[in-house]
């Protein structure tokens, strides 16, 4: 969603938590996460993102010119893997049973969005010099068309799995270690309460971009210079007059900056939405890591509720830690439109991912293999290892390298609850017709 980073892992500096609660004063306590056979710390700390390894190319005179290794490698899968439901490509969510409908229609819609993008001049330009050998615009497009036909005709996960393995090549991401280890997080589109007018209750603004933003000299003004340490610079702000909406809580407005978009319930009873429209040029900074470093957040309990709880107990700390992320994000009103990915098409719940678009093929068909949290019958969440066919339709400022995937969970509270505990290591494959 051109998200500035739509994941709380970056905010905390760990792997699994993203902002998912709308109003700090209304934050509920999440029930305990039930994950059989897992360590008590959930999840492990993110390892440093490793750059892609390099290999040398001999030059005259004996010198060696380093060359980056391609981020994707063609691999051969075991076509006789058993049991089939435990193997790559078993996507039971398409054919859900036990009284629950599958999301086949959502996947088909997401495929159509990618095909729409792949038929644009923008896609033609991107793929003209795509760095991975064997991946071309025509092949990506044909692969989606054929996969769509298979999804429509398949009667079961086993039938689709078998057809895909027979007809498609699998390109595996080399991951963050060169061996295919990919760190997963998740993001979602929150729903917040806001107002079009400032009042004593609604006083923390979102801004539209200044008309001359592209002409601003660098370094750009920092967050503190634009909104003040307390977020209430108001009439003294260089952005005065560009306010769009006002929030009751400073952390709500800050979280919208992180997510890059949001659905809004307005004080007058109407609804609308906002989306990313630009930002100042600063890198991502983890306020969670800063809180842990300063001894204000227990690294063994570095969760969203813990961070929210800290800011509720010590609200003045928001003035210290929120400005550490200097990047400032601007928005446009999108009038209730769905969240849109970086390739310019809507993202689809559990069928869209965000990756580093300097390395990965935009709009392409992919398959993720990871443990995701699901609501448990008795409350809380339980993790289940799944394969999921997805479309690569988004990116994020902290989604860098071949070892990162951000998985779109959807819109609203449940999506946020699930996104907040998504993490761990998995695998990422891209599927192209043989």
Protein backbone atom coordinates (compact mmCIF):
# COMPACT_ATOMS: atom_id res chain seq x y z
CA UNK A 1 0.00 0.00 0.00
CA UNK A 2 3.11 2.08 -0.54
CA UNK A 3 3.19 1.54 3.18
CA UNK A 4 5.84 3.40 5.06
CA UNK A 5 6.02 0.15 6.70
CA UNK A 6 2.84 -1.61 7.40
CA UNK A 7 4.22 -3.84 10.06
CA UNK A 8 4.82 -3.52 13.75
CA UNK A 9 7.87 -5.74 13.64
CA UNK A 10 9.79 -2.70 12.50
CA UNK A 11 8.21 -0.53 15.16
CA UNK A 12 9.28 -2.97 17.86
CA UNK A 13 12.40 -4.20 16.14
CA UNK A 14 11.23 -7.82 16.33
CA UNK A 15 9.64 -10.20 13.93
CA UNK A 16 5.98 -10.50 14.61
CA UNK A 17 4.06 -7.51 15.83
CA UNK A 18 2.37 -4.67 13.94
CA UNK A 19 0.00 -1.94 15.12
CA UNK A 20 -3.52 -3.26 15.23
CA UNK A 21 -5.56 -1.27 17.73
CA UNK A 22 -7.42 1.88 16.85
CA UNK A 23 -7.70 3.94 20.03
CA UNK A 24 -5.22 3.57 22.84
CA UNK A 25 -7.85 4.20 25.49
CA UNK A 26 -9.90 1.33 24.09
CA UNK A 27 -7.10 -1.23 23.70
CA UNK A 28 -8.25 -4.68 24.88
CA UNK A 29 -5.87 -7.23 26.30
CA UNK A 30 -5.20 -9.97 23.78
CA UNK A 31 -5.87 -13.49 25.02
CA UNK A 32 -2.81 -15.71 25.30
CA UNK A 33 -1.47 -17.15 22.07
CA UNK A 34 -1.68 -20.93 22.05
CA UNK A 35 1.11 -22.32 19.92
CA UNK A 36 1.92 -25.95 20.66
CA UNK A 37 5.60 -26.86 20.95
CA UNK A 38 6.82 -23.32 20.54
CA UNK A 39 9.15 -21.36 22.82
CA UNK A 40 7.59 -18.89 25.29
CA UNK A 41 9.13 -15.90 23.54
CA UNK A 42 6.94 -15.12 20.55
CA UNK A 43 8.53 -14.71 18.10
CA UNK A 44 12.36 -14.58 17.95
CA UNK A 45 14.16 -11.35 17.29
CA UNK A 46 14.75 -10.42 13.69
CA UNK A 47 18.26 -11.22 12.56
CA UNK A 48 20.10 -8.51 10.68
CA UNK A 49 19.04 -8.40 7.05
CA UNK A 50 21.90 -9.88 5.07
CA UNK A 51 22.69 -8.49 1.64
CA UNK A 52 22.47 -10.92 -1.25
CA UNK A 53 25.72 -12.86 -1.61
CA UNK A 54 27.98 -12.05 -4.48
CA UNK A 55 30.01 -14.06 -6.92
CA UNK A 56 33.06 -12.94 -8.83
CA UNK A 57 33.43 -12.42 -12.56
CA UNK A 58 37.06 -12.68 -13.80
CA UNK A 59 38.39 -9.61 -15.56
CA UNK A 60 41.53 -9.15 -17.67
CA UNK A 61 44.56 -8.90 -15.46
CA UNK A 62 43.29 -11.33 -12.87
CA UNK A 63 40.92 -8.96 -11.10
CA UNK A 64 37.49 -10.18 -10.04
CA UNK A 65 34.40 -7.99 -10.36
CA UNK A 66 31.76 -8.89 -7.73
CA UNK A 67 28.36 -9.69 -9.18
CA UNK A 68 25.17 -10.09 -7.16
CA UNK A 69 23.71 -13.58 -7.05
CA UNK A 70 20.20 -13.71 -8.51
CA UNK A 71 17.61 -13.54 -5.72
CA UNK A 72 15.57 -16.42 -7.18
CA UNK A 73 16.76 -19.91 -8.07
CA UNK A 74 14.95 -22.52 -10.15
CA UNK A 75 14.40 -25.58 -7.96
CA UNK A 76 12.98 -29.03 -8.50
CA UNK A 77 10.20 -30.19 -6.20
CA UNK A 78 9.46 -33.75 -5.21
CA UNK A 79 6.43 -34.57 -7.34
CA UNK A 80 5.74 -37.61 -5.18
CA UNK A 81 5.81 -35.81 -1.82
CA UNK A 82 3.51 -37.45 0.73
CA UNK A 83 1.24 -36.79 2.45
CA UNK A 84 0.08 -34.29 -0.18
CA UNK A 85 -1.56 -32.01 2.38
CA UNK A 86 1.82 -31.49 4.01
CA UNK A 87 3.58 -30.57 0.77
CA UNK A 88 4.14 -27.32 -1.11
CA UNK A 89 1.08 -26.12 -3.04
CA UNK A 90 -1.66 -27.61 -0.84
CA UNK A 91 -3.92 -24.53 -0.51
CA UNK A 92 -6.96 -25.78 1.37
CA UNK A 93 -8.29 -22.28 2.02
CA UNK A 94 -9.48 -22.16 -1.58
CA UNK A 95 -11.73 -25.14 -0.91
CA UNK A 96 -12.60 -24.56 2.73
CA UNK A 97 -15.04 -26.96 4.28
CA UNK A 98 -16.81 -27.42 7.62
CA UNK A 99 -19.43 -24.86 6.69
CA UNK A 100 -16.95 -22.18 5.67
CA UNK A 101 -16.74 -20.97 2.08
CA UNK A 102 -13.40 -20.96 0.36
CA UNK A 103 -11.81 -17.76 -0.93
CA UNK A 104 -11.46 -18.88 -4.55
CA UNK A 105 -13.31 -15.78 -5.71
CA UNK A 106 -10.89 -13.54 -3.81
CA UNK A 107 -7.90 -15.25 -5.41
CA UNK A 108 -9.40 -14.92 -8.89
CA UNK A 109 -10.03 -11.24 -8.25
CA UNK A 110 -6.44 -10.77 -7.12
CA UNK A 111 -5.19 -12.54 -10.26
CA UNK A 112 -7.31 -10.22 -12.40
CA UNK A 113 -5.80 -7.19 -10.62
CA UNK A 114 -2.30 -8.42 -11.43
CA UNK A 115 -3.23 -9.07 -15.05
CA UNK A 116 -4.55 -5.52 -15.24
CA UNK A 117 -1.19 -4.23 -14.04
CA UNK A 118 0.80 -6.50 -16.36
CA UNK A 119 -1.00 -4.99 -19.35
CA UNK A 120 0.23 -1.48 -18.55
CA UNK A 121 3.19 0.42 -20.03
CA UNK A 122 4.54 0.69 -16.50
CA UNK A 123 4.85 -3.09 -16.25
CA UNK A 124 6.49 -3.28 -19.66
CA UNK A 125 9.14 -0.82 -18.50
CA UNK A 126 9.78 -2.66 -15.23
CA UNK A 127 10.19 -6.04 -16.90
CA UNK A 128 12.31 -4.74 -19.77
CA UNK A 129 15.48 -5.24 -17.76
CA UNK A 130 14.30 -7.56 -15.02
CA UNK A 131 17.37 -8.97 -13.23
CA UNK A 132 16.29 -12.63 -12.91
CA UNK A 133 17.05 -14.81 -15.90
CA UNK A 134 13.99 -16.54 -17.37
CA UNK A 135 11.43 -14.18 -15.87
CA UNK A 136 9.82 -12.02 -18.53
CA UNK A 137 6.62 -10.01 -18.73
CA UNK A 138 5.14 -12.37 -21.28
CA UNK A 139 5.93 -15.44 -19.19
CA UNK A 140 4.54 -13.89 -16.00
CA UNK A 141 1.35 -12.91 -17.82
CA UNK A 142 0.87 -16.32 -19.47
CA UNK A 143 1.50 -18.03 -16.16
CA UNK A 144 -1.27 -16.06 -14.48
CA UNK A 145 -3.73 -16.77 -17.28
CA UNK A 146 -3.07 -20.50 -17.08
CA UNK A 147 -3.10 -20.59 -13.29
CA UNK A 148 -6.44 -18.79 -13.31
CA UNK A 149 -7.86 -21.52 -15.55
CA UNK A 150 -6.59 -24.18 -13.14
CA UNK A 151 -8.12 -22.44 -10.13
CA UNK A 152 -11.50 -22.19 -11.85
CA UNK A 153 -11.55 -25.87 -12.84
CA UNK A 154 -9.95 -27.46 -9.76
CA UNK A 155 -12.24 -29.50 -7.53
CA UNK A 156 -9.87 -29.99 -4.61
CA UNK A 157 -6.53 -28.83 -3.16
CA UNK A 158 -4.94 -32.07 -4.36
CA UNK A 159 -6.07 -31.55 -7.96
CA UNK A 160 -4.77 -27.97 -8.07
CA UNK A 161 -1.51 -28.92 -6.35
CA UNK A 162 -0.85 -31.72 -8.82
CA UNK A 163 -1.62 -29.57 -11.87
CA UNK A 164 0.57 -26.70 -10.68
CA UNK A 165 3.54 -28.97 -9.97
CA UNK A 166 3.15 -30.55 -13.40
CA UNK A 167 2.88 -27.34 -15.41
CA UNK A 168 4.92 -24.76 -13.51
CA UNK A 169 8.55 -24.10 -12.67
CA UNK A 170 9.25 -23.06 -9.08
CA UNK A 171 11.71 -20.22 -8.48
CA UNK A 172 12.71 -20.11 -4.82
CA UNK A 173 13.91 -16.98 -3.05
CA UNK A 174 17.44 -17.38 -1.74
CA UNK A 175 16.24 -15.76 1.49
CA UNK A 176 18.27 -13.74 3.95
CA UNK A 177 20.90 -16.44 4.35
CA UNK A 178 21.33 -17.71 0.80
CA UNK A 179 19.57 -20.95 1.78
CA UNK A 180 15.94 -19.91 1.31
CA UNK A 181 15.12 -18.63 4.79
CA UNK A 182 12.53 -15.87 4.47
CA UNK A 183 11.35 -13.79 7.40
CA UNK A 184 7.57 -13.26 7.41
CA UNK A 185 5.56 -10.44 8.92
CA UNK A 186 2.04 -9.22 8.18
CA UNK A 187 0.22 -5.95 7.75
CA UNK A 188 -3.38 -4.88 7.58
CA UNK A 189 -5.62 -1.90 6.98
CA UNK A 190 -6.82 -0.41 10.27
CA UNK A 191 -10.11 1.34 10.99
CA UNK A 192 -9.90 4.51 13.06
CA UNK A 193 -12.23 7.18 14.38
CA UNK A 194 -11.47 10.70 13.14
CA UNK A 195 -13.02 14.08 12.36
CA UNK A 196 -12.84 16.54 9.49
CA UNK A 197 -12.69 19.44 11.96
CA UNK A 198 -10.39 20.16 14.84
CA UNK A 199 -11.82 20.24 18.35
CA UNK A 200 -10.67 19.79 21.92
CA UNK A 201 -11.24 16.05 21.41
CA UNK A 202 -9.85 15.67 17.89
CA UNK A 203 -6.54 17.51 17.74
CA UNK A 204 -3.89 15.29 16.08
CA UNK A 205 -3.88 15.86 12.30
CA UNK A 206 -3.08 13.96 9.14
CA UNK A 207 -1.78 16.14 6.32
CA UNK A 208 -2.08 16.19 2.56
CA UNK A 209 1.22 16.72 0.71
CA UNK A 210 2.41 20.28 0.16
CA UNK A 211 2.08 21.31 -3.47
CA UNK A 212 5.84 21.89 -3.65
CA UNK A 213 6.91 18.69 -1.88
CA UNK A 214 8.92 17.51 -4.88
CA UNK A 215 10.92 20.73 -4.76
CA UNK A 216 11.84 20.54 -1.08
CA UNK A 217 15.58 20.69 -0.53
CA UNK A 218 17.26 17.79 1.22
CA UNK A 219 17.66 16.96 3.98
CA UNK A 220 13.90 17.30 4.39
CA UNK A 221 12.41 18.70 7.57
CA UNK A 222 12.20 16.10 10.32
CA UNK A 223 9.06 14.87 12.03
CA UNK A 224 9.72 17.18 14.97
CA UNK A 225 10.11 20.17 12.68
CA UNK A 226 6.82 19.40 10.95
CA UNK A 227 4.57 18.45 13.89
CA UNK A 228 6.53 19.19 17.08
CA UNK A 229 7.66 16.81 19.78
CA UNK A 230 4.11 16.46 21.08
CA UNK A 231 2.44 16.33 17.66
CA UNK A 232 0.66 19.63 18.30
CA UNK A 233 2.80 22.21 16.53
CA UNK A 234 -0.41 23.44 14.92
CA UNK A 235 -0.28 26.98 13.57
CA UNK A 236 3.49 27.02 13.92
CA UNK A 237 3.88 24.04 11.60
CA UNK A 238 5.14 24.60 8.03
CA UNK A 239 2.19 22.34 7.07
CA UNK A 240 -0.54 24.54 8.55
CA UNK A 241 -3.56 24.67 6.26
CA UNK A 242 -2.86 21.20 4.83
CA UNK A 243 -4.70 19.28 7.55
CA UNK A 244 -7.16 16.66 6.29
CA UNK A 245 -8.44 14.79 9.34
CA UNK A 246 -7.98 14.98 13.07
CA UNK A 247 -7.58 12.11 15.54
CA UNK A 248 -8.34 11.79 19.23
CA UNK A 249 -5.11 10.04 20.01
CA UNK A 250 -1.63 10.83 18.80
CA UNK A 251 -0.70 7.18 18.44
CA UNK A 252 -3.63 6.64 16.04
CA UNK A 253 -2.30 9.26 13.64
CA UNK A 254 1.21 7.85 13.99
CA UNK A 255 0.00 4.34 13.21
CA UNK A 256 -1.64 5.57 10.01
CA UNK A 257 1.79 6.88 9.00
CA UNK A 258 3.18 3.39 9.56
CA UNK A 259 0.38 1.54 7.76
CA UNK A 260 0.21 3.99 4.87
CA UNK A 261 -3.57 3.79 4.59
CA UNK A 262 -6.65 3.48 6.79
CA UNK A 263 -10.40 3.29 6.77
CA UNK A 264 -11.98 6.11 8.78
CA UNK A 265 -15.22 6.33 10.74
CA UNK A 266 -15.91 10.04 11.02
CA UNK A 267 -17.43 11.84 13.97
CA UNK A 268 -20.39 12.94 11.81
CA UNK A 269 -21.34 9.32 11.14
CA UNK A 270 -19.91 9.07 7.62
CA UNK A 271 -17.06 6.85 6.42
CA UNK A 272 -14.09 7.44 4.17
CA UNK A 273 -10.48 6.33 3.77
CA UNK A 274 -6.99 7.70 3.25
CA UNK A 275 -4.03 6.43 1.27
CA UNK A 276 -0.35 7.17 0.84
CA UNK A 277 0.41 10.33 -1.15
CA UNK A 278 4.06 11.02 -0.44
CA UNK A 279 6.67 11.23 2.30
CA UNK A 280 9.85 12.91 3.38
CA UNK A 281 13.09 11.09 2.66
CA UNK A 282 14.22 9.42 5.86
CA UNK A 283 14.90 5.75 6.66
CA UNK A 284 12.86 3.55 8.95
CA UNK A 285 13.69 3.78 12.67
CA UNK A 286 12.44 1.28 15.24
CA UNK A 287 10.99 2.98 18.31
CA UNK A 288 10.47 -0.44 19.89
CA UNK A 289 14.16 -1.17 19.71
CA UNK A 290 14.86 2.21 21.33
CA UNK A 291 12.43 1.44 24.15
CA UNK A 292 14.10 -1.93 24.73
CA UNK A 293 17.55 -0.35 24.68
CA UNK A 294 16.47 2.19 27.30
CA UNK A 295 15.03 -0.50 29.55
CA UNK A 296 11.45 0.65 29.11
CA UNK A 297 10.23 -2.44 27.27
CA UNK A 298 10.99 -6.03 28.24
CA UNK A 299 12.55 -7.79 25.21
CA UNK A 300 10.90 -11.02 26.41
CA UNK A 301 7.49 -9.33 26.21
CA UNK A 302 7.97 -6.92 23.32
CA UNK A 303 4.39 -7.03 22.10
CA UNK A 304 1.94 -4.47 20.84
CA UNK A 305 -0.14 -4.54 24.06
CA UNK A 306 3.05 -4.04 26.06
CA UNK A 307 4.08 -1.02 24.01
CA UNK A 308 0.59 0.46 24.15
CA UNK A 309 0.49 -0.18 27.89
CA UNK A 310 3.78 1.63 28.32
CA UNK A 311 2.60 4.72 26.45
CA UNK A 312 -0.64 4.70 28.49
CA UNK A 313 1.35 4.62 31.73
CA UNK A 314 3.95 7.12 30.55
CA UNK A 315 2.31 9.24 27.80
CA UNK A 316 5.13 11.77 27.88
CA UNK A 317 7.39 9.07 26.40
CA UNK A 318 5.53 9.45 23.11
CA UNK A 319 7.17 12.87 22.84
CA UNK A 320 10.57 11.20 23.17
CA UNK A 321 10.20 8.03 21.10
CA UNK A 322 7.70 8.71 18.31
CA UNK A 323 9.87 11.47 16.78
CA UNK A 324 12.80 9.05 16.49
CA UNK A 325 11.25 7.95 13.21
CA UNK A 326 11.94 11.16 11.28
CA UNK A 327 10.08 10.22 8.09
CA UNK A 328 6.76 12.07 7.71
CA UNK A 329 3.97 10.68 5.56
CA UNK A 330 1.31 12.58 3.59
CA UNK A 331 -2.10 11.32 2.54
CA UNK A 332 -4.92 11.69 0.09
CA UNK A 333 -8.59 10.93 0.68
CA UNK A 334 -9.60 7.77 -1.17
CA UNK A 335 -13.33 7.85 -0.37
CA UNK A 336 -13.65 4.33 0.94
CA UNK A 337 -11.57 2.71 -1.81
CA UNK A 338 -9.78 -0.50 -0.83
CA UNK A 339 -6.15 -0.45 0.16
CA UNK A 340 -3.93 -0.25 -2.92
CA UNK A 341 -0.55 -1.86 -3.44
CA UNK A 342 2.57 -0.29 -4.87
CA UNK A 343 1.77 -1.61 -8.36
CA UNK A 344 -1.44 0.43 -8.35
CA UNK A 345 -4.05 -2.30 -7.82
CA UNK A 346 -6.10 -3.21 -4.72
CA UNK A 347 -4.53 -5.68 -2.33
CA UNK A 348 -6.58 -8.72 -1.34
CA UNK A 349 -6.79 -10.23 2.14
CA UNK A 350 -4.46 -13.25 2.44
CA UNK A 351 -3.80 -13.20 -1.32
CA UNK A 352 -1.42 -10.23 -1.62
CA UNK A 353 2.15 -9.89 -0.42
CA UNK A 354 4.73 -7.12 -0.26
CA UNK A 355 8.35 -7.74 -1.24
CA UNK A 356 11.40 -5.82 -2.36
CA UNK A 357 10.40 -4.77 -5.88
CA UNK A 358 13.99 -4.12 -6.88
CA UNK A 359 14.45 -7.90 -6.74
CA UNK A 360 11.07 -9.62 -7.05
CA UNK A 361 8.70 -9.68 -10.07
CA UNK A 362 5.78 -7.29 -9.55
CA UNK A 363 2.31 -8.70 -10.08
CA UNK A 364 3.64 -12.23 -10.38
CA UNK A 365 2.14 -15.44 -9.01
CA UNK A 366 3.88 -16.63 -5.87
CA UNK A 367 3.48 -19.28 -3.23
CA UNK A 368 4.31 -18.75 0.44
CA UNK A 369 4.94 -21.47 2.97
CA UNK A 370 4.80 -20.34 6.58
CA UNK A 371 2.99 -20.78 9.90
CA UNK A 372 0.18 -18.22 10.21
CA UNK A 373 -2.08 -17.54 13.21
CA UNK A 374 -5.76 -18.46 13.08
CA UNK A 375 -8.54 -17.80 15.63
CA UNK A 376 -8.90 -20.72 18.03
CA UNK A 377 -12.39 -21.98 19.00
CA UNK A 378 -11.80 -21.25 22.67
CA UNK A 379 -10.26 -17.83 22.09
CA UNK A 380 -6.76 -16.68 21.30
CA UNK A 381 -4.81 -17.77 18.26
CA UNK A 382 -3.22 -20.99 17.10
CA UNK A 383 -0.56 -21.26 14.40
CA UNK A 384 -0.97 -23.55 11.44
CA UNK A 385 1.59 -24.27 8.73
CA UNK A 386 0.08 -23.47 5.34
CA UNK A 387 0.91 -23.08 1.67
CA UNK A 388 -0.83 -20.14 0.08
CA UNK A 389 -0.99 -18.97 -3.53
CA UNK A 390 -0.52 -15.20 -3.53
CA UNK A 391 0.13 -12.26 -5.87
CA UNK A 392 3.12 -9.97 -5.38
CA UNK A 393 1.42 -6.58 -5.44
CA UNK A 394 2.98 -4.35 -2.81
CA UNK A 395 6.18 -3.16 -1.17
CA UNK A 396 7.35 -1.37 1.96
CA UNK A 397 10.20 0.90 2.95
CA UNK A 398 11.63 -1.71 5.32
CA UNK A 399 10.92 -4.74 3.11
CA UNK A 400 14.44 -5.08 1.77
CA UNK A 401 16.32 -8.00 0.30
CA UNK A 402 15.23 -11.46 -0.83
CA UNK A 403 14.58 -12.62 2.73
CA UNK A 404 11.51 -10.52 3.55
CA UNK A 405 7.80 -10.98 2.90
CA UNK A 406 4.96 -8.90 4.33
CA UNK A 407 1.60 -10.67 4.10
CA UNK A 408 -1.63 -8.65 3.80
CA UNK A 409 -4.18 -9.87 6.36
CA UNK A 410 -7.09 -7.64 5.39
CA UNK A 411 -9.06 -4.84 7.07
CA UNK A 412 -10.28 -4.41 10.62
CA UNK A 413 -9.73 -5.70 14.12
CA UNK A 414 -9.43 -9.44 13.48
CA UNK A 415 -7.01 -8.84 10.61
CA UNK A 416 -4.98 -6.69 12.96
CA UNK A 417 -5.04 -9.26 15.74
CA UNK A 418 -3.76 -11.92 13.36
CA UNK A 419 -1.21 -9.64 11.72
CA UNK A 420 0.05 -8.70 15.16
CA UNK A 421 1.26 -12.22 15.88
CA UNK A 422 2.46 -13.24 12.43
CA UNK A 423 6.15 -14.01 12.23
CA UNK A 424 8.73 -16.69 11.88
CA UNK A 425 10.71 -18.11 8.98
CA UNK A 426 9.23 -19.67 5.87
CA UNK A 427 9.80 -19.98 2.14
CA UNK A 428 8.82 -17.95 -0.90
CA UNK A 429 8.43 -19.32 -4.43
CA UNK A 430 7.46 -17.72 -7.74
CA UNK A 431 5.56 -19.91 -10.21
CA UNK A 432 6.06 -19.66 -13.97
CA UNK A 433 4.90 -21.88 -16.75
CA UNK A 434 7.46 -24.41 -17.95
